[in-house]
Amino acid sequence: MRARPVLLVLGVLLFMGEALLAEEVRVSAFQANVRDGPGRSAAILATLSRGATLEVLGRRGDWYKVRVRDSGLEGYVHGSMLEVGAGSAPVPASPVPATPLPSAAKPAAQGLEVRSLANLRAGPGRSSEILATLPGGKLLERIADSGSWYKVRTPEGLEGFVHSSTVRFAELEAATAAAPAAKAVPAPREAAPPPRPSQATLPPSGIRREPAPTPALATVVKTDRADEPLWGARAFGEAGFVSFRAKDSFDAVFGGSTGGSYGLGAEFRYGRFFLQANFERTRKTGERVLVFEDQVFPLGVPATVTITPLSVVAGYRFGPFRGITPLAGLGVGSYGLKEESAFATSADIVDERFTSFHLLAGAEYAATPWLAVRVEAQYVSVPDALGAGGVSASFGETNLGGFGLRLKVLAGR
């Protein structure tokens, strides 16, 4: 007979426990994510709007296990997102076994969002081929990590690697069966600012769903490096080699038609286009000569020629291809020519400038995001700069231009 009162007490306790667990709460935040576990790293099952009514099933720390009244979906919501009804008994903070996901729901994928622009490469390195350049805001599925690179998959199914500096973490949500004709959009994090207005509809359950965007090809706005900004400016120094077209005149006076050069300049870039301003200097020392019937007679008088080209070249950078960026350009400039010799009067000193035309081709390698090395070949034409008199007139040479090869070190972005 004593067993009946015990069973009666147990029944009352079970009834009270069920009443405690059946407490109703409402979403107090603008939006709240329902997750499949008690933590922000857990997959997002749905996103609820302010005022949605939930049934509390249990509690684990600051997370409430709830059931959405209208849809029956179960999951976890952070307590800061909820308003507990006045006068309700507190929900016991005891471990609650995780409820398996509904068969029709899929967990959210671990994702990334492009910050501004990001190159999608074939491998984890800046020397790898660029498959496409992704615009800011594009969501990517994170597949694997490789040092400071992430292997990702675009919504179009294209796989490749992006540098960690060009992306930030985001949450990607898969479609659920609760809305067969729609896919859930990436849900905001808790306490996030209100999203931009959209054409989303809110079913009675308060779960926010939007039609999935139509897949489109990745926008290609290529830059040379994954983390290179659209605009850029760089300074450079250079050293090079030049071979002059007036070969006979230079051979007669200086014993050779080649020489070294050095210079500096700046380059401004927009996307793949660049504008380069350059100053160079070449100096050769020889002796004055007399040319008679194609014979050269040295006079033993020292002579010096200083050539100071100024140029502006506009060009385009291609690729890169396996880490190398080819480039080409056209430009104009001003070639300074100054001739001096011992015992010469002011009337004998030549100090003039002539218009020059430049054709440039080269290749660049980015050693770091801020440092690059470039090799350039340049052909220059400086018509009518020679031949007015002296040795060049004797040989019929009028062009001061020639072919040059330069090595540049560029610093900047």
Protein backbone atom coordinates (compact mmCIF):
# COMPACT_ATOMS: atom_id res chain seq x y z
CA MET A 1 0.00 0.00 0.00
CA ARG A 2 2.92 2.34 0.56
CA ALA A 3 3.87 2.07 -3.13
CA ARG A 4 0.87 4.11 -4.25
CA PRO A 5 1.87 7.37 -2.51
CA VAL A 6 5.40 7.01 -3.90
CA LEU A 7 4.08 6.56 -7.42
CA LEU A 8 1.75 9.50 -6.90
CA VAL A 9 4.65 11.75 -5.83
CA LEU A 10 6.74 10.65 -8.79
CA GLY A 11 3.87 11.43 -11.15
CA VAL A 12 3.48 14.90 -9.69
CA LEU A 13 7.23 15.55 -10.04
CA LEU A 14 7.23 14.40 -13.66
CA PHE A 15 4.25 16.64 -14.37
CA MET A 16 6.01 19.63 -12.78
CA GLY A 17 9.22 18.88 -14.73
CA GLU A 18 7.25 18.75 -17.95
CA ALA A 19 5.61 22.07 -17.08
CA LEU A 20 9.02 23.63 -16.43
CA LEU A 21 10.36 22.37 -19.72
CA ALA A 22 7.29 23.62 -21.58
CA GLU A 23 8.05 27.27 -20.82
CA GLU A 24 7.44 29.67 -23.74
CA VAL A 25 9.90 32.37 -24.76
CA ARG A 26 9.99 34.93 -27.55
CA VAL A 27 12.79 36.21 -29.76
CA SER A 28 13.72 39.68 -28.51
CA ALA A 29 16.55 40.42 -30.96
CA PHE A 30 15.99 41.61 -34.51
CA GLN A 31 16.98 38.11 -35.63
CA ALA A 32 18.18 34.97 -33.88
CA ASN A 33 19.88 31.90 -35.31
CA VAL A 34 18.62 28.42 -34.39
CA ARG A 35 21.67 26.13 -34.30
CA ASP A 36 22.10 22.37 -34.07
CA GLY A 37 24.28 22.69 -30.96
CA PRO A 38 24.99 25.04 -28.02
CA GLY A 39 27.73 27.16 -29.56
CA ARG A 40 28.34 29.74 -32.31
CA SER A 41 30.42 27.22 -34.23
CA ALA A 42 27.39 24.92 -34.55
CA ALA A 43 25.51 24.75 -37.86
CA ILE A 44 22.62 27.17 -38.38
CA LEU A 45 19.28 25.45 -38.97
CA ALA A 46 17.11 28.56 -39.41
CA THR A 47 16.92 32.27 -38.62
CA LEU A 48 13.99 33.62 -36.62
CA SER A 49 12.60 37.13 -36.62
CA ARG A 50 11.70 39.26 -33.59
CA GLY A 51 8.57 38.00 -31.80
CA ALA A 52 8.80 34.36 -32.88
CA THR A 53 7.37 32.06 -30.18
CA LEU A 54 9.46 29.14 -28.96
CA GLU A 55 8.94 26.28 -26.53
CA VAL A 56 11.88 25.71 -24.18
CA LEU A 57 12.99 22.08 -23.95
CA GLY A 58 16.10 22.55 -21.85
CA ARG A 59 19.17 24.64 -21.21
CA ARG A 60 22.91 24.24 -21.46
CA GLY A 61 24.85 27.19 -20.03
CA ASP A 62 23.75 30.36 -21.88
CA TRP A 63 22.05 28.35 -24.65
CA TYR A 64 18.40 27.29 -24.65
CA LYS A 65 17.17 24.19 -26.41
CA VAL A 66 13.90 25.20 -28.08
CA ARG A 67 11.16 23.99 -30.41
CA VAL A 68 9.64 26.38 -32.96
CA ARG A 69 5.91 26.33 -32.30
CA ASP A 70 4.62 26.34 -35.87
CA SER A 71 7.23 24.23 -37.68
CA GLY A 72 8.31 21.87 -34.91
CA LEU A 73 11.99 22.56 -35.68
CA GLU A 74 14.25 21.94 -32.66
CA GLY A 75 17.62 23.54 -31.96
CA TYR A 76 19.59 25.91 -29.73
CA VAL A 77 19.29 29.72 -29.35
CA HIS A 78 21.56 31.95 -27.26
CA GLY A 79 19.85 33.36 -24.17
CA SER A 80 20.75 36.97 -25.10
CA MET A 81 18.43 36.63 -28.11
CA LEU A 82 15.39 35.60 -26.05
CA GLU A 83 12.83 37.20 -23.74
CA VAL A 84 11.72 34.80 -21.00
CA GLY A 85 8.06 35.24 -19.97
CA ALA A 86 7.45 37.05 -16.65
CA GLY A 87 6.63 34.80 -13.72
CA SER A 88 7.89 31.65 -15.40
CA ALA A 89 9.96 29.21 -13.48
CA PRO A 90 13.65 29.20 -14.47
CA VAL A 91 14.70 26.51 -16.87
CA PRO A 92 17.12 24.05 -15.26
CA ALA A 93 20.67 24.37 -16.56
CA SER A 94 21.31 20.68 -17.10
CA PRO A 95 23.02 18.89 -19.97
CA VAL A 96 20.57 18.05 -22.74
CA PRO A 97 21.41 15.45 -25.37
CA ALA A 98 21.79 16.99 -28.79
CA THR A 99 18.78 16.36 -31.02
CA PRO A 100 19.68 14.93 -34.44
CA LEU A 101 18.99 17.21 -37.38
CA PRO A 102 15.72 16.63 -39.21
CA SER A 103 16.25 14.36 -42.17
CA ALA A 104 15.30 17.16 -44.57
CA ALA A 105 17.76 19.68 -43.10
CA LYS A 106 21.44 19.99 -43.94
CA PRO A 107 24.03 21.68 -41.69
CA ALA A 108 25.58 24.94 -42.72
CA ALA A 109 28.92 24.77 -44.52
CA GLN A 110 31.97 26.52 -43.12
CA GLY A 111 32.35 29.54 -45.39
CA LEU A 112 34.41 32.57 -46.29
CA GLU A 113 33.49 35.96 -47.72
CA VAL A 114 35.71 37.95 -50.12
CA ARG A 115 36.76 41.28 -48.57
CA SER A 116 37.39 43.38 -51.70
CA LEU A 117 38.96 41.36 -54.52
CA ALA A 118 40.54 37.93 -54.37
CA ASN A 119 42.36 35.90 -56.97
CA LEU A 120 41.27 32.26 -57.13
CA ARG A 121 44.44 30.32 -57.92
CA ALA A 122 45.14 26.76 -59.03
CA GLY A 123 47.49 26.18 -56.09
CA PRO A 124 48.44 27.63 -52.68
CA GLY A 125 50.99 30.21 -53.81
CA ARG A 126 51.30 33.49 -55.71
CA SER A 127 53.17 31.69 -58.48
CA SER A 128 50.09 29.55 -59.22
CA GLU A 129 47.87 30.30 -62.19
CA ILE A 130 44.89 32.61 -61.60
CA LEU A 131 41.62 30.84 -62.43
CA ALA A 132 39.37 33.85 -61.79
CA THR A 133 39.20 37.01 -59.70
CA LEU A 134 36.29 37.12 -57.28
CA PRO A 135 34.45 40.35 -56.34
CA GLY A 136 33.96 41.63 -52.81
CA GLY A 137 31.11 40.04 -50.87
CA LYS A 138 31.19 36.74 -52.75
CA LEU A 139 30.61 33.73 -50.48
CA LEU A 140 32.89 30.71 -50.75
CA GLU A 141 32.79 27.24 -49.25
CA ARG A 142 35.93 26.49 -47.25
CA ILE A 143 37.23 23.00 -48.10
CA ALA A 144 40.71 22.82 -46.57
CA ASP A 145 43.64 24.90 -45.22
CA SER A 146 47.18 25.11 -46.57
CA GLY A 147 49.32 27.46 -44.49
CA SER A 148 48.03 31.00 -45.14
CA TRP A 149 45.89 29.77 -48.05
CA TYR A 150 42.36 28.32 -48.09
CA LYS A 151 41.07 25.82 -50.60
CA VAL A 152 37.55 26.95 -51.51
CA ARG A 153 34.63 26.20 -53.81
CA THR A 154 32.56 28.95 -55.47
CA PRO A 155 28.76 28.73 -55.82
CA GLU A 156 29.38 27.85 -59.47
CA GLY A 157 31.43 24.80 -58.46
CA LEU A 158 34.86 26.23 -59.34
CA GLU A 159 37.56 25.10 -56.87
CA GLY A 160 40.86 26.79 -56.10
CA PHE A 161 42.91 28.60 -53.45
CA VAL A 162 42.60 32.13 -52.00
CA HIS A 163 44.97 33.94 -49.66
CA SER A 164 43.73 34.39 -46.08
CA SER A 165 44.30 38.17 -46.22
CA THR A 166 41.64 38.55 -48.94
CA VAL A 167 38.74 36.83 -47.14
CA ARG A 168 36.94 36.77 -43.80
CA PHE A 169 34.91 34.06 -42.10
CA ALA A 170 31.23 33.79 -42.96
CA GLU A 171 28.40 31.31 -42.53
CA LEU A 172 26.83 29.46 -45.46
CA GLU A 173 23.40 27.89 -45.00
CA ALA A 174 22.07 24.96 -47.01
CA ALA A 175 18.49 24.53 -48.24
CA THR A 176 15.86 22.92 -46.00
CA ALA A 177 12.77 20.92 -46.88
CA ALA A 178 10.53 23.37 -45.02
CA ALA A 179 10.63 25.59 -48.12
CA PRO A 180 10.88 23.28 -51.17
CA ALA A 181 10.95 26.09 -53.72
CA ALA A 182 13.43 28.27 -51.85
CA LYS A 183 16.88 28.08 -50.35
CA ALA A 184 17.94 29.64 -47.08
CA VAL A 185 20.30 32.56 -47.50
CA PRO A 186 23.43 32.95 -45.34
CA ALA A 187 22.15 33.95 -41.93
CA PRO A 188 23.63 36.81 -39.92
CA ARG A 189 25.52 36.22 -36.68
CA GLU A 190 23.86 36.93 -33.36
CA ALA A 191 23.54 40.60 -32.44
CA ALA A 192 24.44 41.56 -36.02
CA PRO A 193 23.11 44.86 -37.44
CA PRO A 194 19.88 44.65 -39.45
CA PRO A 195 20.43 43.31 -42.97
CA ARG A 196 19.54 45.24 -46.09
CA PRO A 197 15.89 45.04 -47.19
CA SER A 198 15.05 42.12 -49.45
CA GLN A 199 12.02 40.42 -50.95
CA ALA A 200 12.11 37.67 -48.33
CA THR A 201 8.82 36.38 -46.95
CA LEU A 202 8.21 35.35 -43.37
CA PRO A 203 6.12 32.20 -42.88
CA PRO A 204 3.97 31.99 -39.72
CA SER A 205 6.81 30.26 -37.88
CA GLY A 206 8.95 33.40 -38.18
CA ILE A 207 11.68 31.54 -40.10
CA ARG A 208 13.25 33.81 -42.68
CA ARG A 209 13.89 32.33 -46.10
CA GLU A 210 14.81 33.94 -49.39
CA PRO A 211 14.96 32.61 -52.94
CA ALA A 212 18.44 31.45 -53.85
CA PRO A 213 20.33 33.82 -56.15
CA THR A 214 20.66 32.72 -59.75
CA PRO A 215 24.14 31.23 -60.27
CA ALA A 216 26.44 33.43 -62.32
CA LEU A 217 29.95 33.09 -63.57
CA ALA A 218 32.64 34.54 -61.32
CA THR A 219 33.31 38.17 -62.10
CA VAL A 220 36.81 38.54 -63.49
CA VAL A 221 38.55 41.78 -62.55
CA LYS A 222 42.05 40.42 -62.49
CA THR A 223 44.95 41.95 -60.66
CA ASP A 224 48.53 40.75 -60.53
CA ARG A 225 48.44 39.41 -56.99
CA ALA A 226 45.73 38.05 -54.81
CA ASP A 227 46.01 40.85 -52.29
CA GLU A 228 46.90 43.65 -54.70
CA PRO A 229 44.55 46.70 -54.54
CA LEU A 230 42.86 48.13 -57.62
CA TRP A 231 44.91 51.34 -57.40
CA GLY A 232 48.62 51.37 -56.69
CA ALA A 233 51.83 53.42 -56.74
CA ARG A 234 55.43 52.22 -56.67
CA ALA A 235 58.86 53.78 -56.70
CA PHE A 236 61.78 52.05 -58.40
CA GLY A 237 65.49 52.16 -59.01
CA GLU A 238 67.17 50.68 -62.07
CA ALA A 239 70.47 49.77 -63.68
CA GLY A 240 70.89 48.85 -67.32
CA PHE A 241 72.77 48.56 -70.55
CA VAL A 242 72.33 50.63 -73.74
CA SER A 243 73.52 50.17 -77.32
CA PHE A 244 73.38 53.33 -79.47
CA ARG A 245 72.22 53.41 -83.09
CA ALA A 246 75.00 55.88 -84.05
CA LYS A 247 77.52 53.05 -83.86
CA ASP A 248 80.29 54.52 -86.07
CA SER A 249 80.21 57.93 -84.35
CA PHE A 250 80.39 56.42 -80.84
CA ASP A 251 83.06 53.92 -81.85
CA ALA A 252 85.25 56.72 -83.27
CA VAL A 253 84.99 59.01 -80.22
CA PHE A 254 84.53 56.60 -77.32
CA GLY A 255 85.90 53.33 -78.60
CA GLY A 256 82.48 51.61 -78.36
CA SER A 257 78.79 52.19 -78.95
CA THR A 258 77.54 50.60 -75.72
CA GLY A 259 77.42 51.83 -72.15
CA GLY A 260 75.85 51.48 -68.74
CA SER A 261 72.89 53.45 -67.41
CA TYR A 262 71.16 53.98 -64.11
CA GLY A 263 68.05 55.79 -63.04
CA LEU A 264 64.96 56.04 -60.87
CA GLY A 265 61.28 56.75 -61.25
CA ALA A 266 57.71 56.08 -60.19
CA GLU A 267 54.87 54.00 -61.53
CA PHE A 268 51.13 54.48 -61.04
CA ARG A 269 48.74 51.61 -61.64
CA TYR A 270 45.02 51.08 -62.12
CA GLY A 271 44.13 47.41 -62.46
CA ARG A 272 46.33 46.11 -65.28
CA PHE A 273 47.17 49.53 -66.74
CA PHE A 274 50.24 51.47 -65.63
CA LEU A 275 51.86 54.86 -66.22
CA GLN A 276 55.61 55.06 -65.68
CA ALA A 277 57.76 58.19 -65.28
CA ASN A 278 61.48 57.54 -65.65
CA PHE A 279 64.78 59.42 -65.39
CA GLU A 280 68.08 57.88 -66.58
CA ARG A 281 71.68 58.90 -66.99
CA THR A 282 74.45 57.56 -69.22
CA ARG A 283 77.98 59.00 -69.35
CA LYS A 284 80.81 58.13 -71.77
CA THR A 285 84.36 59.48 -71.94
CA GLY A 286 86.66 59.43 -74.98
CA GLU A 287 88.63 61.88 -77.11
CA ARG A 288 87.95 64.24 -79.95
CA VAL A 289 88.75 62.94 -83.43
CA LEU A 290 89.03 64.15 -86.99
CA VAL A 291 87.42 62.16 -89.79
CA PHE A 292 88.96 62.52 -93.26
CA GLU A 293 87.95 60.28 -96.17
CA ASP A 294 86.46 57.77 -93.73
CA GLN A 295 89.70 57.67 -91.76
CA VAL A 296 89.61 58.51 -88.04
CA PHE A 297 92.46 60.55 -86.59
CA PRO A 298 92.52 60.94 -82.75
CA LEU A 299 93.35 64.45 -81.56
CA GLY A 300 94.25 63.51 -77.98
CA VAL A 301 91.74 65.97 -76.51
CA PRO A 302 89.50 64.39 -73.82
CA ALA A 303 85.76 64.52 -74.58
CA THR A 304 82.75 63.58 -72.46
CA VAL A 305 79.14 62.98 -73.45
CA THR A 306 76.34 62.87 -70.85
CA ILE A 307 72.90 61.62 -71.94
CA THR A 308 69.91 62.18 -69.61
CA PRO A 309 66.65 60.71 -70.92
CA LEU A 310 63.31 61.64 -69.36
CA SER A 311 60.35 59.50 -70.43
CA VAL A 312 56.69 58.75 -69.72
CA VAL A 313 55.41 55.33 -70.79
CA ALA A 314 51.83 54.03 -70.62
CA GLY A 315 51.36 50.28 -70.73
CA TYR A 316 49.44 47.14 -69.87
CA ARG A 317 50.34 44.13 -67.71
CA PHE A 318 49.20 40.66 -68.77
CA GLY A 319 48.73 37.45 -66.75
CA PRO A 320 50.37 36.61 -64.47
CA PHE A 321 51.42 33.23 -65.80
CA ARG A 322 53.03 30.98 -63.17
CA GLY A 323 54.00 34.02 -61.13
CA ILE A 324 55.47 36.03 -64.05
CA THR A 325 53.62 39.13 -65.29
CA PRO A 326 54.46 40.17 -68.89
CA LEU A 327 53.98 43.82 -69.82
CA ALA A 328 54.27 46.19 -72.78
CA GLY A 329 54.03 49.94 -73.29
CA LEU A 330 54.50 52.98 -75.52
CA GLY A 331 55.75 56.40 -74.53
CA VAL A 332 57.41 59.70 -75.33
CA GLY A 333 60.23 61.58 -73.70
CA SER A 334 63.00 64.10 -73.89
CA TYR A 335 66.65 63.10 -74.48
CA GLY A 336 69.25 65.45 -73.06
CA LEU A 337 72.66 65.50 -74.83
CA LYS A 338 75.61 67.37 -73.40
CA GLU A 339 79.07 67.27 -75.06
CA GLU A 340 82.13 68.69 -73.28
CA SER A 341 85.83 68.61 -74.08
CA ALA A 342 89.05 70.12 -72.84
CA PHE A 343 90.02 73.50 -74.28
CA ALA A 344 86.51 73.91 -75.77
CA THR A 345 84.90 77.35 -75.75
CA SER A 346 81.31 77.92 -74.72
CA ALA A 347 80.34 77.93 -78.39
CA ASP A 348 81.78 74.42 -78.81
CA ILE A 349 79.81 72.90 -75.91
CA VAL A 350 76.59 71.15 -76.97
CA ASP A 351 73.75 71.07 -74.41
CA GLU A 352 70.38 70.33 -76.02
CA ARG A 353 67.25 68.23 -75.59
CA PHE A 354 65.43 66.24 -78.27
CA THR A 355 62.05 64.48 -78.46
CA SER A 356 62.22 60.70 -78.05
CA PHE A 357 59.82 57.81 -78.74
CA HIS A 358 59.82 54.63 -76.65
CA LEU A 359 58.67 51.04 -77.19
CA LEU A 360 58.87 48.84 -74.09
CA ALA A 361 58.38 45.16 -73.25
CA GLY A 362 59.25 43.23 -70.12
CA ALA A 363 58.33 40.79 -67.39
CA GLU A 364 57.82 41.22 -63.63
CA TYR A 365 58.06 38.87 -60.66
CA ALA A 366 56.42 39.78 -57.33
CA ALA A 367 58.80 38.62 -54.58
CA THR A 368 56.43 39.92 -51.84
CA PRO A 369 53.22 41.98 -51.89
CA TRP A 370 55.39 45.11 -51.53
CA LEU A 371 58.47 44.22 -53.58
CA ALA A 372 58.84 43.21 -57.23
CA VAL A 373 61.68 42.69 -59.70
CA ARG A 374 61.27 43.58 -63.38
CA VAL A 375 63.35 43.12 -66.53
CA GLU A 376 62.62 45.54 -69.40
CA ALA A 377 63.79 45.75 -72.98
CA GLN A 378 63.34 49.14 -74.60
CA TYR A 379 63.81 50.51 -78.08
CA VAL A 380 64.20 54.30 -78.33
CA SER A 381 64.20 56.55 -81.37
CA VAL A 382 65.60 60.10 -81.09
CA PRO A 383 65.50 61.43 -84.66
CA ASP A 384 67.52 64.44 -85.86
CA ALA A 385 69.56 64.67 -82.66
CA LEU A 386 72.88 64.10 -84.51
CA GLY A 387 74.32 64.81 -87.96
CA ALA A 388 74.37 68.60 -87.91
CA GLY A 389 78.16 68.60 -87.84
CA GLY A 390 81.28 66.91 -86.50
CA VAL A 391 81.86 63.14 -86.50
CA SER A 392 78.16 62.16 -86.84
CA ALA A 393 77.84 64.30 -89.98
CA SER A 394 80.86 62.57 -91.49
CA PHE A 395 79.23 59.14 -90.95
CA GLY A 396 75.70 60.30 -91.86
CA GLU A 397 74.21 59.24 -88.50
CA THR A 398 71.31 61.32 -87.15
CA ASN A 399 69.51 59.18 -84.53
CA LEU A 400 70.66 59.22 -80.91
CA GLY A 401 68.37 56.35 -79.90
CA GLY A 402 69.11 52.67 -79.54
CA PHE A 403 68.29 49.49 -77.69
CA GLY A 404 68.39 49.16 -73.89
CA LEU A 405 68.03 46.41 -71.31
CA ARG A 406 67.19 47.34 -67.69
CA LEU A 407 66.73 45.65 -64.34
CA LYS A 408 64.31 47.39 -61.97
CA VAL A 409 63.44 46.90 -58.31
CA LEU A 410 59.97 48.26 -57.46
CA ALA A 411 58.64 48.96 -53.96
CA GLY A 412 55.00 49.69 -53.22
CA ARG A 413 51.55 48.32 -54.05
